[in-house]
C-alpha atoms as a PDB file:
ATOM      1  CA  MET A   1     -54.724 -64.597 -42.268  1.00  0.00           C
ATOM      2  CA  PHE A   2     -50.977 -64.134 -42.725  1.00  0.00           C
ATOM      3  CA  ASP A   3     -50.664 -67.418 -44.596  1.00  0.00           C
ATOM      4  CA  HIS A   4     -53.359 -66.396 -47.093  1.00  0.00           C
ATOM      5  CA  GLN A   5     -51.710 -62.990 -47.655  1.00  0.00           C
ATOM      6  CA  TRP A   6     -48.302 -64.633 -48.018  1.00  0.00           C
ATOM      7  CA  ASP A   7     -49.665 -67.119 -50.553  1.00  0.00           C
ATOM      8  CA  LYS A   8     -51.155 -64.256 -52.576  1.00  0.00           C
ATOM      9  CA  PHE A   9     -47.788 -62.461 -52.481  1.00  0.00           C
ATOM     10  CA  LEU A  10     -46.007 -65.605 -53.746  1.00  0.00           C
ATOM     11  CA  GLU A  11     -48.589 -65.934 -56.512  1.00  0.00           C
ATOM     12  CA  GLN A  12     -48.052 -62.310 -57.556  1.00  0.00           C
ATOM     13  CA  GLN A  13     -44.289 -62.787 -57.605  1.00  0.00           C
ATOM     14  CA  SER A  14     -44.493 -65.965 -59.690  1.00  0.00           C
ATOM     15  CA  LEU A  15     -46.609 -64.066 -62.228  1.00  0.00           C
ATOM     16  CA  LYS A  16     -44.372 -60.994 -62.104  1.00  0.00           C
ATOM     17  CA  PHE A  17     -41.279 -63.054 -62.887  1.00  0.00           C
ATOM     18  CA  ASN A  18     -43.089 -65.270 -65.383  1.00  0.00           C
ATOM     19  CA  LEU A  19     -42.034 -68.527 -63.672  1.00  0.00           C
ATOM     20  CA  THR A  20     -42.822 -71.788 -65.431  1.00  0.00           C
ATOM     21  CA  THR A  21     -45.338 -74.192 -63.902  1.00  0.00           C
ATOM     22  CA  THR A  22     -42.596 -76.327 -62.356  1.00  0.00           C
ATOM     23  CA  GLN A  23     -40.665 -73.283 -61.137  1.00  0.00           C
ATOM     24  CA  THR A  24     -43.849 -71.999 -59.534  1.00  0.00           C
ATOM     25  CA  SER A  25     -44.340 -75.287 -57.723  1.00  0.00           C
ATOM     26  CA  VAL A  26     -40.749 -75.215 -56.457  1.00  0.00           C
ATOM     27  CA  PHE A  27     -41.045 -71.523 -55.523  1.00  0.00           C
ATOM     28  CA  PHE A  28     -44.267 -72.035 -53.572  1.00  0.00           C
ATOM     29  CA  THR A  29     -42.809 -75.078 -51.799  1.00  0.00           C
ATOM     30  CA  ARG A  30     -39.538 -73.362 -50.895  1.00  0.00           C
ATOM     31  CA  PHE A  31     -41.086 -70.162 -49.634  1.00  0.00           C
ATOM     32  CA  ALA A  32     -44.223 -71.551 -47.988  1.00  0.00           C
ATOM     33  CA  HIS A  33     -44.456 -70.051 -44.523  1.00  0.00           C
ATOM     34  CA  GLN A  34     -44.136 -73.440 -42.828  1.00  0.00           C
ATOM     35  CA  ASN A  35     -40.886 -74.120 -44.730  1.00  0.00           C
ATOM     36  CA  TRP A  36     -39.006 -70.889 -44.106  1.00  0.00           C
ATOM     37  CA  LEU A  37     -36.678 -72.191 -41.418  1.00  0.00           C
ATOM     38  CA  LYS A  38     -36.426 -75.761 -42.670  1.00  0.00           C
ATOM     39  CA  LYS A  39     -33.666 -77.260 -44.799  1.00  0.00           C
ATOM     40  CA  ILE A  40     -34.784 -78.017 -48.345  1.00  0.00           C
ATOM     41  CA  GLU A  41     -33.909 -81.666 -47.821  1.00  0.00           C
ATOM     42  CA  ASP A  42     -36.842 -81.814 -45.385  1.00  0.00           C
ATOM     43  CA  PHE A  43     -39.597 -80.677 -47.797  1.00  0.00           C
ATOM     44  CA  TRP A  44     -38.477 -80.832 -51.437  1.00  0.00           C
ATOM     45  CA  GLN A  45     -40.778 -83.822 -52.011  1.00  0.00           C
ATOM     46  CA  LEU A  46     -43.798 -81.515 -51.653  1.00  0.00           C
ATOM     47  CA  ALA A  47     -42.931 -79.882 -54.999  1.00  0.00           C
ATOM     48  CA  ASP A  48     -43.918 -81.508 -58.272  1.00  0.00           C
ATOM     49  CA  VAL A  49     -40.389 -82.609 -59.261  1.00  0.00           C
ATOM     50  CA  ALA A  50     -38.737 -85.958 -59.854  1.00  0.00           C
ATOM     51  CA  SER A  51     -35.715 -85.666 -57.588  1.00  0.00           C
ATOM     52  CA  PHE A  52     -33.871 -83.551 -55.048  1.00  0.00           C
ATOM     53  CA  GLU A  53     -31.365 -82.586 -57.732  1.00  0.00           C
ATOM     54  CA  SER A  54     -34.186 -81.395 -59.963  1.00  0.00           C
ATOM     55  CA  PHE A  55     -35.618 -79.306 -57.104  1.00  0.00           C
ATOM     56  CA  VAL A  56     -32.209 -77.669 -56.526  1.00  0.00           C
ATOM     57  CA  ARG A  57     -31.723 -77.029 -60.263  1.00  0.00           C
ATOM     58  CA  HIS A  58     -35.165 -75.344 -60.527  1.00  0.00           C
ATOM     59  CA  LEU A  59     -34.507 -73.329 -57.380  1.00  0.00           C
ATOM     60  CA  THR A  60     -31.166 -72.152 -58.730  1.00  0.00           C
ATOM     61  CA  ASN A  61     -32.852 -71.069 -61.966  1.00  0.00           C
ATOM     62  CA  ILE A  62     -35.476 -69.192 -59.950  1.00  0.00           C
ATOM     63  CA  TYR A  63     -32.729 -67.320 -58.078  1.00  0.00           C
ATOM     64  CA  LYS A  64     -31.139 -66.470 -61.439  1.00  0.00           C
ATOM     65  CA  VAL A  65     -34.436 -65.065 -62.675  1.00  0.00           C
ATOM     66  CA  PHE A  66     -34.798 -62.944 -59.548  1.00  0.00           C
ATOM     67  CA  LYS A  67     -31.206 -61.763 -59.811  1.00  0.00           C
ATOM     68  CA  THR A  68     -31.491 -60.705 -63.434  1.00  0.00           C
ATOM     69  CA  ARG A  69     -35.024 -59.193 -63.297  1.00  0.00           C
ATOM     70  CA  SER A  70     -35.263 -57.546 -59.893  1.00  0.00           C
ATOM     71  CA  ASN A  71     -33.961 -54.291 -58.560  1.00  0.00           C
ATOM     72  CA  ASP A  72     -35.875 -54.748 -55.304  1.00  0.00           C
ATOM     73  CA  CYS A  73     -33.456 -57.080 -53.520  1.00  0.00           C
ATOM     74  CA  VAL A  74     -30.049 -55.452 -53.133  1.00  0.00           C
ATOM     75  CA  GLU A  75     -28.632 -58.462 -51.233  1.00  0.00           C
ATOM     76  CA  LEU A  76     -29.489 -60.744 -54.106  1.00  0.00           C
ATOM     77  CA  LEU A  77     -28.084 -58.405 -56.724  1.00  0.00           C
ATOM     78  CA  GLU A  78     -24.772 -58.204 -54.844  1.00  0.00           C
ATOM     79  CA  ARG A  79     -24.312 -62.015 -54.730  1.00  0.00           C
ATOM     80  CA  LYS A  80     -21.964 -63.460 -57.276  1.00  0.00           C
ATOM     81  CA  GLY A  81     -23.743 -66.845 -57.614  1.00  0.00           C
ATOM     82  CA  ALA A  82     -27.358 -67.810 -58.004  1.00  0.00           C
ATOM     83  CA  GLY A  83     -27.479 -69.696 -54.715  1.00  0.00           C
ATOM     84  CA  ASN A  84     -29.604 -69.255 -51.620  1.00  0.00           C
ATOM     85  CA  PHE A  85     -30.277 -65.943 -50.015  1.00  0.00           C
ATOM     86  CA  PRO A  86     -31.584 -65.168 -46.534  1.00  0.00           C
ATOM     87  CA  VAL A  87     -35.319 -65.346 -45.995  1.00  0.00           C
END
């Protein structure tokens, strides 16, 4: 039940932030419940991208979108870069 609710939440967020198709794939892959505690090197291939570098680039752009369009995540807004933030 949690996984279904979490997937719906991710879908809502991807729509809210108007993520591209590829960004949505990367976003869903990165934040899938089963991937939360894993390193991205262990699951990036599940996303529809050509390379690890492409996955990281899309993920960085997603973090930038969240940082510029969200007032909900104070930790993210306080970060100077676009990099990872705690789950």
